[in-house]
Structure formats: C-alpha cells, structure tokens
Amino acid sequence: MGVLDIIKESITLGIKDFIKNIEKEFSHLFMRRIYQIKKQIMRELMAVFIIIISVGFLAISGVFFLIEYIHLNKTLSFLIIGIIVLFIGILIKIAN
C-alpha cells in the first residue's frame, strides 16, 4: 500500500499546484483588468469635472456679457443664462 499512497499523494499535489497556478493567473488577470477599469473611470471623471468647470465659466462670462454689452440688470442676466443652461441640460437628458 505504500506505493499506492505515494502515487496518490503525488497526483494530489500535482493537481493542487495546477489549481494554485490557475488561481494565481486568474487573480493577476482580474487585478490588471480592475486597474485598467479604475484608470478609465478616473479619466472619465476628470473629463466631466473639467467640462463642468468650463460650463460654469461660460455661464459667468455670458452673464457679464449680458450685463456689460446688452445693459441688462444682473437678475435678468442670471435668469437668462440659467434658463439656457437648463434647456441644454434637458436636451442632453432627452438625447440619452
């Protein structure tokens, strides 16, 4: 029975090593894919953040344009720009 036990143990160890290697490889591939997704999400968030900031600056410049060159009061200027930004947001929402 000693020889059969040795054969059984060597087959069991071989299978365990094989499974461990597969697990390590899948773990490595999985972690690499998670890192790529995380990098992509960070890029997208940065792009959205920059777009939001630029929309804010454009809205403020639109308000000052209405105040200085068209000679509207501040309240009406902010109202007009707010309505324009709201309308653009609704159009974007409808398009999706």
PDB file of N, CA and C in Angstrom:
ATOM      1  N   MET A   1       0.807  -1.204   0.000  1.00  0.00           N
ATOM      2  CA  MET A   1       0.000   0.000   0.000  1.00  0.00           C
ATOM      3  C   MET A   1       0.849   1.266   0.000  1.00  0.00           C
ATOM      4  N   GLY A   2       2.104   1.186   0.349  1.00  0.00           N
ATOM      5  CA  GLY A   2       2.966   2.360   0.409  1.00  0.00           C
ATOM      6  C   GLY A   2       3.137   3.012  -0.952  1.00  0.00           C
ATOM      7  N   VAL A   3       3.290   2.198  -1.994  1.00  0.00           N
ATOM      8  CA  VAL A   3       3.486   2.734  -3.344  1.00  0.00           C
ATOM      9  C   VAL A   3       2.224   3.442  -3.824  1.00  0.00           C
ATOM     10  N   LEU A   4       1.064   2.858  -3.561  1.00  0.00           N
ATOM     11  CA  LEU A   4      -0.192   3.483  -3.977  1.00  0.00           C
ATOM     12  C   LEU A   4      -0.420   4.812  -3.254  1.00  0.00           C
ATOM     13  N   ASP A   5      -0.043   4.866  -1.986  1.00  0.00           N
ATOM     14  CA  ASP A   5      -0.176   6.123  -1.244  1.00  0.00           C
ATOM     15  C   ASP A   5       0.739   7.202  -1.822  1.00  0.00           C
ATOM     16  N   ILE A   6       1.949   6.816  -2.196  1.00  0.00           N
ATOM     17  CA  ILE A   6       2.893   7.776  -2.785  1.00  0.00           C
ATOM     18  C   ILE A   6       2.356   8.287  -4.120  1.00  0.00           C
ATOM     19  N   ILE A   7       1.830   7.404  -4.948  1.00  0.00           N
ATOM     20  CA  ILE A   7       1.260   7.807  -6.247  1.00  0.00           C
ATOM     21  C   ILE A   7       0.060   8.718  -6.037  1.00  0.00           C
ATOM     22  N   LYS A   8      -0.797   8.341  -5.101  1.00  0.00           N
ATOM     23  CA  LYS A   8      -1.988   9.143  -4.802  1.00  0.00           C
ATOM     24  C   LYS A   8      -1.593  10.533  -4.312  1.00  0.00           C
ATOM     25  N   GLU A   9      -0.592  10.584  -3.421  1.00  0.00           N
ATOM     26  CA  GLU A   9      -0.149  11.865  -2.878  1.00  0.00           C
ATOM     27  C   GLU A   9       0.490  12.738  -3.958  1.00  0.00           C
ATOM     28  N   SER A  10       1.264  12.154  -4.848  1.00  0.00           N
ATOM     29  CA  SER A  10       1.914  12.936  -5.911  1.00  0.00           C
ATOM     30  C   SER A  10       0.876  13.472  -6.905  1.00  0.00           C
ATOM     31  N   ILE A  11      -0.129  12.699  -7.197  1.00  0.00           N
ATOM     32  CA  ILE A  11      -1.199  13.172  -8.093  1.00  0.00           C
ATOM     33  C   ILE A  11      -1.972  14.299  -7.419  1.00  0.00           C
ATOM     34  N   THR A  12      -2.265  14.143  -6.130  1.00  0.00           N
ATOM     35  CA  THR A  12      -2.991  15.178  -5.390  1.00  0.00           C
ATOM     36  C   THR A  12      -2.179  16.471  -5.350  1.00  0.00           C
ATOM     37  N   LEU A  13      -0.886  16.379  -5.059  1.00  0.00           N
ATOM     38  CA  LEU A  13      -0.031  17.573  -5.025  1.00  0.00           C
ATOM     39  C   LEU A  13       0.064  18.223  -6.408  1.00  0.00           C
ATOM     40  N   GLY A  14       0.133  17.425  -7.446  1.00  0.00           N
ATOM     41  CA  GLY A  14       0.186  17.961  -8.810  1.00  0.00           C
ATOM     42  C   GLY A  14      -1.077  18.717  -9.161  1.00  0.00           C
ATOM     43  N   ILE A  15      -2.208  18.172  -8.787  1.00  0.00           N
ATOM     44  CA  ILE A  15      -3.491  18.836  -9.058  1.00  0.00           C
ATOM     45  C   ILE A  15      -3.599  20.119  -8.245  1.00  0.00           C
ATOM     46  N   LYS A  16      -3.162  20.054  -6.971  1.00  0.00           N
ATOM     47  CA  LYS A  16      -3.221  21.249  -6.134  1.00  0.00           C
ATOM     48  C   LYS A  16      -2.327  22.355  -6.694  1.00  0.00           C
ATOM     49  N   ASP A  17      -1.122  22.021  -7.133  1.00  0.00           N
ATOM     50  CA  ASP A  17      -0.225  23.017  -7.725  1.00  0.00           C
ATOM     51  C   ASP A  17      -0.819  23.595  -9.008  1.00  0.00           C
ATOM     52  N   PHE A  18      -1.411  22.718  -9.819  1.00  0.00           N
ATOM     53  CA  PHE A  18      -2.041  23.171 -11.055  1.00  0.00           C
ATOM     54  C   PHE A  18      -3.171  24.154 -10.767  1.00  0.00           C
ATOM     55  N   ILE A  19      -4.001  23.823  -9.785  1.00  0.00           N
ATOM     56  CA  ILE A  19      -5.123  24.703  -9.419  1.00  0.00           C
ATOM     57  C   ILE A  19      -4.602  26.017  -8.843  1.00  0.00           C
ATOM     58  N   LYS A  20      -3.547  25.972  -8.022  1.00  0.00           N
ATOM     59  CA  LYS A  20      -2.965  27.193  -7.469  1.00  0.00           C
ATOM     60  C   LYS A  20      -2.410  28.089  -8.569  1.00  0.00           C
ATOM     61  N   ASN A  21      -1.757  27.489  -9.570  1.00  0.00           N
ATOM     62  CA  ASN A  21      -1.225  28.275 -10.684  1.00  0.00           C
ATOM     63  C   ASN A  21      -2.344  28.929 -11.486  1.00  0.00           C
ATOM     64  N   ILE A  22      -3.417  28.185 -11.723  1.00  0.00           N
ATOM     65  CA  ILE A  22      -4.563  28.755 -12.435  1.00  0.00           C
ATOM     66  C   ILE A  22      -5.166  29.899 -11.631  1.00  0.00           C
ATOM     67  N   GLU A  23      -5.293  29.707 -10.321  1.00  0.00           N
ATOM     68  CA  GLU A  23      -5.863  30.743  -9.452  1.00  0.00           C
ATOM     69  C   GLU A  23      -4.986  31.999  -9.466  1.00  0.00           C
ATOM     70  N   LYS A  24      -3.671  31.834  -9.408  1.00  0.00           N
ATOM     71  CA  LYS A  24      -2.761  32.985  -9.448  1.00  0.00           C
ATOM     72  C   LYS A  24      -2.882  33.728 -10.778  1.00  0.00           C
ATOM     73  N   GLU A  25      -2.973  32.975 -11.854  1.00  0.00           N
ATOM     74  CA  GLU A  25      -3.073  33.605 -13.169  1.00  0.00           C
ATOM     75  C   GLU A  25      -4.382  34.374 -13.322  1.00  0.00           C
ATOM     76  N   PHE A  26      -5.497  33.764 -12.910  1.00  0.00           N
ATOM     77  CA  PHE A  26      -6.787  34.455 -12.974  1.00  0.00           C
ATOM     78  C   PHE A  26      -6.794  35.677 -12.065  1.00  0.00           C
ATOM     79  N   SER A  27      -6.207  35.549 -10.889  1.00  0.00           N
ATOM     80  CA  SER A  27      -6.138  36.665  -9.956  1.00  0.00           C
ATOM     81  C   SER A  27      -5.345  37.816 -10.568  1.00  0.00           C
ATOM     82  N   HIS A  28      -4.215  37.489 -11.192  1.00  0.00           N
ATOM     83  CA  HIS A  28      -3.387  38.518 -11.834  1.00  0.00           C
ATOM     84  C   HIS A  28      -4.146  39.197 -12.977  1.00  0.00           C
ATOM     85  N   LEU A  29      -4.791  38.423 -13.817  1.00  0.00           N
ATOM     86  CA  LEU A  29      -5.554  38.996 -14.924  1.00  0.00           C
ATOM     87  C   LEU A  29      -6.716  39.851 -14.420  1.00  0.00           C
ATOM     88  N   PHE A  30      -7.387  39.366 -13.390  1.00  0.00           N
ATOM     89  CA  PHE A  30      -8.509  40.081 -12.799  1.00  0.00           C
ATOM     90  C   PHE A  30      -8.054  41.413 -12.206  1.00  0.00           C
ATOM     91  N   MET A  31      -6.957  41.410 -11.470  1.00  0.00           N
ATOM     92  CA  MET A  31      -6.446  42.646 -10.873  1.00  0.00           C
ATOM     93  C   MET A  31      -5.978  43.630 -11.943  1.00  0.00           C
ATOM     94  N   ARG A  32      -5.365  43.123 -13.010  1.00  0.00           N
ATOM     95  CA  ARG A  32      -4.934  44.008 -14.092  1.00  0.00           C
ATOM     96  C   ARG A  32      -6.134  44.654 -14.775  1.00  0.00           C
ATOM     97  N   ARG A  33      -7.187  43.894 -14.979  1.00  0.00           N
ATOM     98  CA  ARG A  33      -8.404  44.439 -15.607  1.00  0.00           C
ATOM     99  C   ARG A  33      -9.079  45.463 -14.696  1.00  0.00           C
ATOM    100  N   ILE A  34      -9.110  45.188 -13.390  1.00  0.00           N
ATOM    101  CA  ILE A  34      -9.679  46.144 -12.446  1.00  0.00           C
ATOM    102  C   ILE A  34      -8.886  47.445 -12.480  1.00  0.00           C
ATOM    103  N   TYR A  35      -7.570  47.346 -12.544  1.00  0.00           N
ATOM    104  CA  TYR A  35      -6.726  48.549 -12.611  1.00  0.00           C
ATOM    105  C   TYR A  35      -7.017  49.346 -13.873  1.00  0.00           C
ATOM    106  N   GLN A  36      -7.180  48.667 -15.001  1.00  0.00           N
ATOM    107  CA  GLN A  36      -7.491  49.366 -16.254  1.00  0.00           C
ATOM    108  C   GLN A  36      -8.846  50.061 -16.170  1.00  0.00           C
ATOM    109  N   ILE A  37      -9.834  49.388 -15.597  1.00  0.00           N
ATOM    110  CA  ILE A  37     -11.167  49.992 -15.454  1.00  0.00           C
ATOM    111  C   ILE A  37     -11.100  51.197 -14.528  1.00  0.00           C
ATOM    112  N   LYS A  38     -10.353  51.075 -13.435  1.00  0.00           N
ATOM    113  CA  LYS A  38     -10.203  52.178 -12.493  1.00  0.00           C
ATOM    114  C   LYS A  38      -9.544  53.376 -13.168  1.00  0.00           C
ATOM    115  N   LYS A  39      -8.519  53.130 -13.971  1.00  0.00           N
ATOM    116  CA  LYS A  39      -7.843  54.200 -14.698  1.00  0.00           C
ATOM    117  C   LYS A  39      -8.803  54.887 -15.672  1.00  0.00           C
ATOM    118  N   GLN A  40      -9.608  54.101 -16.367  1.00  0.00           N
ATOM    119  CA  GLN A  40     -10.567  54.655 -17.320  1.00  0.00           C
ATOM    120  C   GLN A  40     -11.625  55.484 -16.605  1.00  0.00           C
ATOM    121  N   ILE A  41     -12.114  55.015 -15.463  1.00  0.00           N
ATOM    122  CA  ILE A  41     -13.115  55.762 -14.706  1.00  0.00           C
ATOM    123  C   ILE A  41     -12.530  57.079 -14.219  1.00  0.00           C
ATOM    124  N   MET A  42     -11.292  57.067 -13.759  1.00  0.00           N
ATOM    125  CA  MET A  42     -10.660  58.307 -13.294  1.00  0.00           C
ATOM    126  C   MET A  42     -10.515  59.310 -14.442  1.00  0.00           C
ATOM    127  N   ARG A  43     -10.138  58.823 -15.618  1.00  0.00           N
ATOM    128  CA  ARG A  43     -10.040  59.720 -16.778  1.00  0.00           C
ATOM    129  C   ARG A  43     -11.392  60.332 -17.123  1.00  0.00           C
ATOM    130  N   GLU A  44     -12.423  59.497 -17.094  1.00  0.00           N
ATOM    131  CA  GLU A  44     -13.767  59.988 -17.415  1.00  0.00           C
ATOM    132  C   GLU A  44     -14.238  61.006 -16.383  1.00  0.00           C
ATOM    133  N   LEU A  45     -13.982  60.743 -15.098  1.00  0.00           N
ATOM    134  CA  LEU A  45     -14.377  61.687 -14.053  1.00  0.00           C
ATOM    135  C   LEU A  45     -13.643  63.014 -14.185  1.00  0.00           C
ATOM    136  N   MET A  46     -12.367  62.960 -14.528  1.00  0.00           N
ATOM    137  CA  MET A  46     -11.606  64.194 -14.729  1.00  0.00           C
ATOM    138  C   MET A  46     -12.163  64.981 -15.913  1.00  0.00           C
ATOM    139  N   ALA A  47     -12.526  64.294 -16.980  1.00  0.00           N
ATOM    140  CA  ALA A  47     -13.098  64.967 -18.140  1.00  0.00           C
ATOM    141  C   ALA A  47     -14.420  65.626 -17.780  1.00  0.00           C
ATOM    142  N   VAL A  48     -15.272  64.931 -17.042  1.00  0.00           N
ATOM    143  CA  VAL A  48     -16.556  65.502 -16.636  1.00  0.00           C
ATOM    144  C   VAL A  48     -16.344  66.702 -15.721  1.00  0.00           C
ATOM    145  N   PHE A  49     -15.385  66.595 -14.808  1.00  0.00           N
ATOM    146  CA  PHE A  49     -15.079  67.695 -13.902  1.00  0.00           C
ATOM    147  C   PHE A  49     -14.621  68.930 -14.681  1.00  0.00           C
ATOM    148  N   ILE A  50     -13.766  68.746 -15.657  1.00  0.00           N
ATOM    149  CA  ILE A  50     -13.291  69.866 -16.476  1.00  0.00           C
ATOM    150  C   ILE A  50     -14.435  70.460 -17.291  1.00  0.00           C
ATOM    151  N   ILE A  51     -15.309  69.627 -17.814  1.00  0.00           N
ATOM    152  CA  ILE A  51     -16.460  70.121 -18.563  1.00  0.00           C
ATOM    153  C   ILE A  51     -17.371  70.946 -17.672  1.00  0.00           C
ATOM    154  N   ILE A  52     -17.614  70.482 -16.447  1.00  0.00           N
ATOM    155  CA  ILE A  52     -18.474  71.227 -15.519  1.00  0.00           C
ATOM    156  C   ILE A  52     -17.865  72.584 -15.191  1.00  0.00           C
ATOM    157  N   ILE A  53     -16.565  72.612 -14.952  1.00  0.00           N
ATOM    158  CA  ILE A  53     -15.899  73.886 -14.669  1.00  0.00           C
ATOM    159  C   ILE A  53     -15.994  74.822 -15.862  1.00  0.00           C
ATOM    160  N   SER A  54     -15.787  74.300 -17.060  1.00  0.00           N
ATOM    161  CA  SER A  54     -15.850  75.160 -18.248  1.00  0.00           C
ATOM    162  C   SER A  54     -17.262  75.681 -18.483  1.00  0.00           C
ATOM    163  N   VAL A  55     -18.273  74.871 -18.220  1.00  0.00           N
ATOM    164  CA  VAL A  55     -19.657  75.342 -18.354  1.00  0.00           C
ATOM    165  C   VAL A  55     -19.927  76.454 -17.348  1.00  0.00           C
ATOM    166  N   GLY A  56     -19.403  76.314 -16.143  1.00  0.00           N
ATOM    167  CA  GLY A  56     -19.560  77.370 -15.141  1.00  0.00           C
ATOM    168  C   GLY A  56     -18.922  78.675 -15.589  1.00  0.00           C
ATOM    169  N   PHE A  57     -17.709  78.598 -16.106  1.00  0.00           N
ATOM    170  CA  PHE A  57     -17.044  79.808 -16.587  1.00  0.00           C
ATOM    171  C   PHE A  57     -17.768  80.415 -17.786  1.00  0.00           C
ATOM    172  N   LEU A  58     -18.268  79.562 -18.669  1.00  0.00           N
ATOM    173  CA  LEU A  58     -19.018  80.087 -19.809  1.00  0.00           C
ATOM    174  C   LEU A  58     -20.311  80.767 -19.357  1.00  0.00           C
ATOM    175  N   ALA A  59     -20.961  80.203 -18.369  1.00  0.00           N
ATOM    176  CA  ALA A  59     -22.185  80.821 -17.845  1.00  0.00           C
ATOM    177  C   ALA A  59     -21.879  82.174 -17.209  1.00  0.00           C
ATOM    178  N   ILE A  60     -20.808  82.242 -16.439  1.00  0.00           N
ATOM    179  CA  ILE A  60     -20.437  83.516 -15.822  1.00  0.00           C
ATOM    180  C   ILE A  60     -20.062  84.549 -16.880  1.00  0.00           C
ATOM    181  N   SER A  61     -19.321  84.118 -17.899  1.00  0.00           N
ATOM    182  CA  SER A  61     -18.970  85.065 -18.959  1.00  0.00           C
ATOM    183  C   SER A  61     -20.212  85.513 -19.728  1.00  0.00           C
ATOM    184  N   GLY A  62     -21.176  84.609 -19.894  1.00  0.00           N
ATOM    185  CA  GLY A  62     -22.433  85.004 -20.540  1.00  0.00           C
ATOM    186  C   GLY A  62     -23.187  86.036 -19.723  1.00  0.00           C
ATOM    187  N   VAL A  63     -23.185  85.874 -18.408  1.00  0.00           N
ATOM    188  CA  VAL A  63     -23.847  86.848 -17.538  1.00  0.00           C
ATOM    189  C   VAL A  63     -23.174  88.212 -17.665  1.00  0.00           C
ATOM    190  N   PHE A  64     -21.865  88.235 -17.596  1.00  0.00           N
ATOM    191  CA  PHE A  64     -21.157  89.515 -17.715  1.00  0.00           C
ATOM    192  C   PHE A  64     -21.327  90.137 -19.088  1.00  0.00           C
ATOM    193  N   PHE A  65     -21.426  89.301 -20.118  1.00  0.00           N
ATOM    194  CA  PHE A  65     -21.697  89.829 -21.454  1.00  0.00           C
ATOM    195  C   PHE A  65     -23.053  90.527 -21.485  1.00  0.00           C
ATOM    196  N   LEU A  66     -24.059  89.884 -20.915  1.00  0.00           N
ATOM    197  CA  LEU A  66     -25.395  90.479 -20.899  1.00  0.00           C
ATOM    198  C   LEU A  66     -25.427  91.757 -20.063  1.00  0.00           C
ATOM    199  N   ILE A  67     -24.660  91.793 -18.974  1.00  0.00           N
ATOM    200  CA  ILE A  67     -24.653  92.973 -18.118  1.00  0.00           C
ATOM    201  C   ILE A  67     -23.924  94.140 -18.792  1.00  0.00           C
ATOM    202  N   GLU A  68     -22.756  93.892 -19.329  1.00  0.00           N
ATOM    203  CA  GLU A  68     -21.918  94.992 -19.818  1.00  0.00           C
ATOM    204  C   GLU A  68     -22.270  95.453 -21.225  1.00  0.00           C
ATOM    205  N   TYR A  69     -22.576  94.532 -22.131  1.00  0.00           N
ATOM    206  CA  TYR A  69     -22.765  94.938 -23.517  1.00  0.00           C
ATOM    207  C   TYR A  69     -24.230  95.097 -23.903  1.00  0.00           C
ATOM    208  N   ILE A  70     -25.112  94.327 -23.319  1.00  0.00           N
ATOM    209  CA  ILE A  70     -26.530  94.441 -23.663  1.00  0.00           C
ATOM    210  C   ILE A  70     -27.258  95.302 -22.628  1.00  0.00           C
ATOM    211  N   HIS A  71     -26.581  95.627 -21.530  1.00  0.00           N
ATOM    212  CA  HIS A  71     -27.089  96.510 -20.481  1.00  0.00           C
ATOM    213  C   HIS A  71     -28.369  95.996 -19.825  1.00  0.00           C
ATOM    214  N   LEU A  72     -28.379  94.697 -19.521  1.00  0.00           N
ATOM    215  CA  LEU A  72     -29.467  94.124 -18.736  1.00  0.00           C
ATOM    216  C   LEU A  72     -29.056  94.144 -17.263  1.00  0.00           C
ATOM    217  N   ASN A  73     -30.052  94.119 -16.373  1.00  0.00           N
ATOM    218  CA  ASN A  73     -29.674  94.070 -14.965  1.00  0.00           C
ATOM    219  C   ASN A  73     -29.190  92.668 -14.601  1.00  0.00           C
ATOM    220  N   LYS A  74     -28.561  92.534 -13.425  1.00  0.00           N
ATOM    221  CA  LYS A  74     -27.913  91.283 -13.033  1.00  0.00           C
ATOM    222  C   LYS A  74     -28.916  90.143 -12.870  1.00  0.00           C
ATOM    223  N   THR A  75     -30.066  90.444 -12.293  1.00  0.00           N
ATOM    224  CA  THR A  75     -31.060  89.403 -12.062  1.00  0.00           C
ATOM    225  C   THR A  75     -31.533  88.792 -13.374  1.00  0.00           C
ATOM    226  N   LEU A  76     -31.852  89.637 -14.328  1.00  0.00           N
ATOM    227  CA  LEU A  76     -32.325  89.156 -15.622  1.00  0.00           C
ATOM    228  C   LEU A  76     -31.224  88.400 -16.364  1.00  0.00           C
ATOM    229  N   SER A  77     -29.994  88.859 -16.228  1.00  0.00           N
ATOM    230  CA  SER A  77     -28.874  88.179 -16.890  1.00  0.00           C
ATOM    231  C   SER A  77     -28.689  86.767 -16.335  1.00  0.00           C
ATOM    232  N   PHE A  78     -28.700  86.627 -14.994  1.00  0.00           N
ATOM    233  CA  PHE A  78     -28.561  85.299 -14.399  1.00  0.00           C
ATOM    234  C   PHE A  78     -29.745  84.407 -14.755  1.00  0.00           C
ATOM    235  N   LEU A  79     -30.942  85.000 -14.828  1.00  0.00           N
ATOM    236  CA  LEU A  79     -32.120  84.225 -15.199  1.00  0.00           C
ATOM    237  C   LEU A  79     -31.993  83.693 -16.625  1.00  0.00           C
ATOM    238  N   ILE A  80     -31.571  84.526 -17.533  1.00  0.00           N
ATOM    239  CA  ILE A  80     -31.437  84.103 -18.936  1.00  0.00           C
ATOM    240  C   ILE A  80     -30.396  82.998 -19.067  1.00  0.00           C
ATOM    241  N   ILE A  81     -29.230  83.171 -18.450  1.00  0.00           N
ATOM    242  CA  ILE A  81     -28.180  82.155 -18.545  1.00  0.00           C
ATOM    243  C   ILE A  81     -28.632  80.864 -17.859  1.00  0.00           C
ATOM    244  N   GLY A  82     -29.318  80.977 -16.730  1.00  0.00           N
ATOM    245  CA  GLY A  82     -29.829  79.788 -16.040  1.00  0.00           C
ATOM    246  C   GLY A  82     -30.808  79.014 -16.893  1.00  0.00           C
ATOM    247  N   ILE A  83     -31.680  79.735 -17.576  1.00  0.00           N
ATOM    248  CA  ILE A  83     -32.658  79.071 -18.455  1.00  0.00           C
ATOM    249  C   ILE A  83     -31.953  78.396 -19.630  1.00  0.00           C
ATOM    250  N   ILE A  84     -30.935  79.061 -20.173  1.00  0.00           N
ATOM    251  CA  ILE A  84     -30.195  78.472 -21.300  1.00  0.00           C
ATOM    252  C   ILE A  84     -29.490  77.192 -20.858  1.00  0.00           C
ATOM    253  N   VAL A  85     -28.812  77.226 -19.701  1.00  0.00           N
ATOM    254  CA  VAL A  85     -28.106  76.037 -19.206  1.00  0.00           C
ATOM    255  C   VAL A  85     -29.106  74.925 -18.887  1.00  0.00           C
ATOM    256  N   LEU A  86     -30.244  75.277 -18.290  1.00  0.00           N
ATOM    257  CA  LEU A  86     -31.287  74.289 -18.003  1.00  0.00           C
ATOM    258  C   LEU A  86     -31.811  73.656 -19.287  1.00  0.00           C
ATOM    259  N   PHE A  87     -32.045  74.453 -20.296  1.00  0.00           N
ATOM    260  CA  PHE A  87     -32.538  73.954 -21.580  1.00  0.00           C
ATOM    261  C   PHE A  87     -31.533  73.010 -22.217  1.00  0.00           C
ATOM    262  N   ILE A  88     -30.252  73.366 -22.157  1.00  0.00           N
ATOM    263  CA  ILE A  88     -29.205  72.491 -22.708  1.00  0.00           C
ATOM    264  C   ILE A  88     -29.162  71.176 -21.930  1.00  0.00           C
ATOM    265  N   GLY A  89     -29.280  71.239 -20.595  1.00  0.00           N
ATOM    266  CA  GLY A  89     -29.302  70.025 -19.775  1.00  0.00           C
ATOM    267  C   GLY A  89     -30.483  69.126 -20.108  1.00  0.00           C
ATOM    268  N   ILE A  90     -31.648  69.730 -20.323  1.00  0.00           N
ATOM    269  CA  ILE A  90     -32.825  68.938 -20.700  1.00  0.00           C
ATOM    270  C   ILE A  90     -32.645  68.293 -22.061  1.00  0.00           C
ATOM    271  N   LEU A  91     -32.066  69.010 -23.002  1.00  0.00           N
ATOM    272  CA  LEU A  91     -31.807  68.428 -24.320  1.00  0.00           C
ATOM    273  C   LEU A  91     -30.837  67.272 -24.238  1.00  0.00           C
ATOM    274  N   ILE A  92     -29.802  67.418 -23.421  1.00  0.00           N
ATOM    275  CA  ILE A  92     -28.857  66.322 -23.256  1.00  0.00           C
ATOM    276  C   ILE A  92     -29.536  65.116 -22.621  1.00  0.00           C
ATOM    277  N   LYS A  93     -30.389  65.356 -21.631  1.00  0.00           N
ATOM    278  CA  LYS A  93     -31.108  64.267 -20.960  1.00  0.00           C
ATOM    279  C   LYS A  93     -32.047  63.549 -21.931  1.00  0.00           C
ATOM    280  N   ILE A  94     -32.725  64.307 -22.764  1.00  0.00           N
ATOM    281  CA  ILE A  94     -33.654  63.713 -23.738  1.00  0.00           C
ATOM    282  C   ILE A  94     -32.889  62.917 -24.791  1.00  0.00           C
ATOM    283  N   ALA A  95     -31.693  63.407 -25.181  1.00  0.00           N
ATOM    284  CA  ALA A  95     -30.911  62.726 -26.212  1.00  0.00           C
ATOM    285  C   ALA A  95     -30.414  61.358 -25.736  1.00  0.00           C
ATOM    286  N   ASN A  96     -30.224  61.204 -24.448  1.00  0.00           N
ATOM    287  CA  ASN A  96     -29.762  59.896 -23.932  1.00  0.00           C
ATOM    288  C   ASN A  96     -30.963  59.042 -23.741  1.00  0.00           C
TER     289      ASN A  96
END
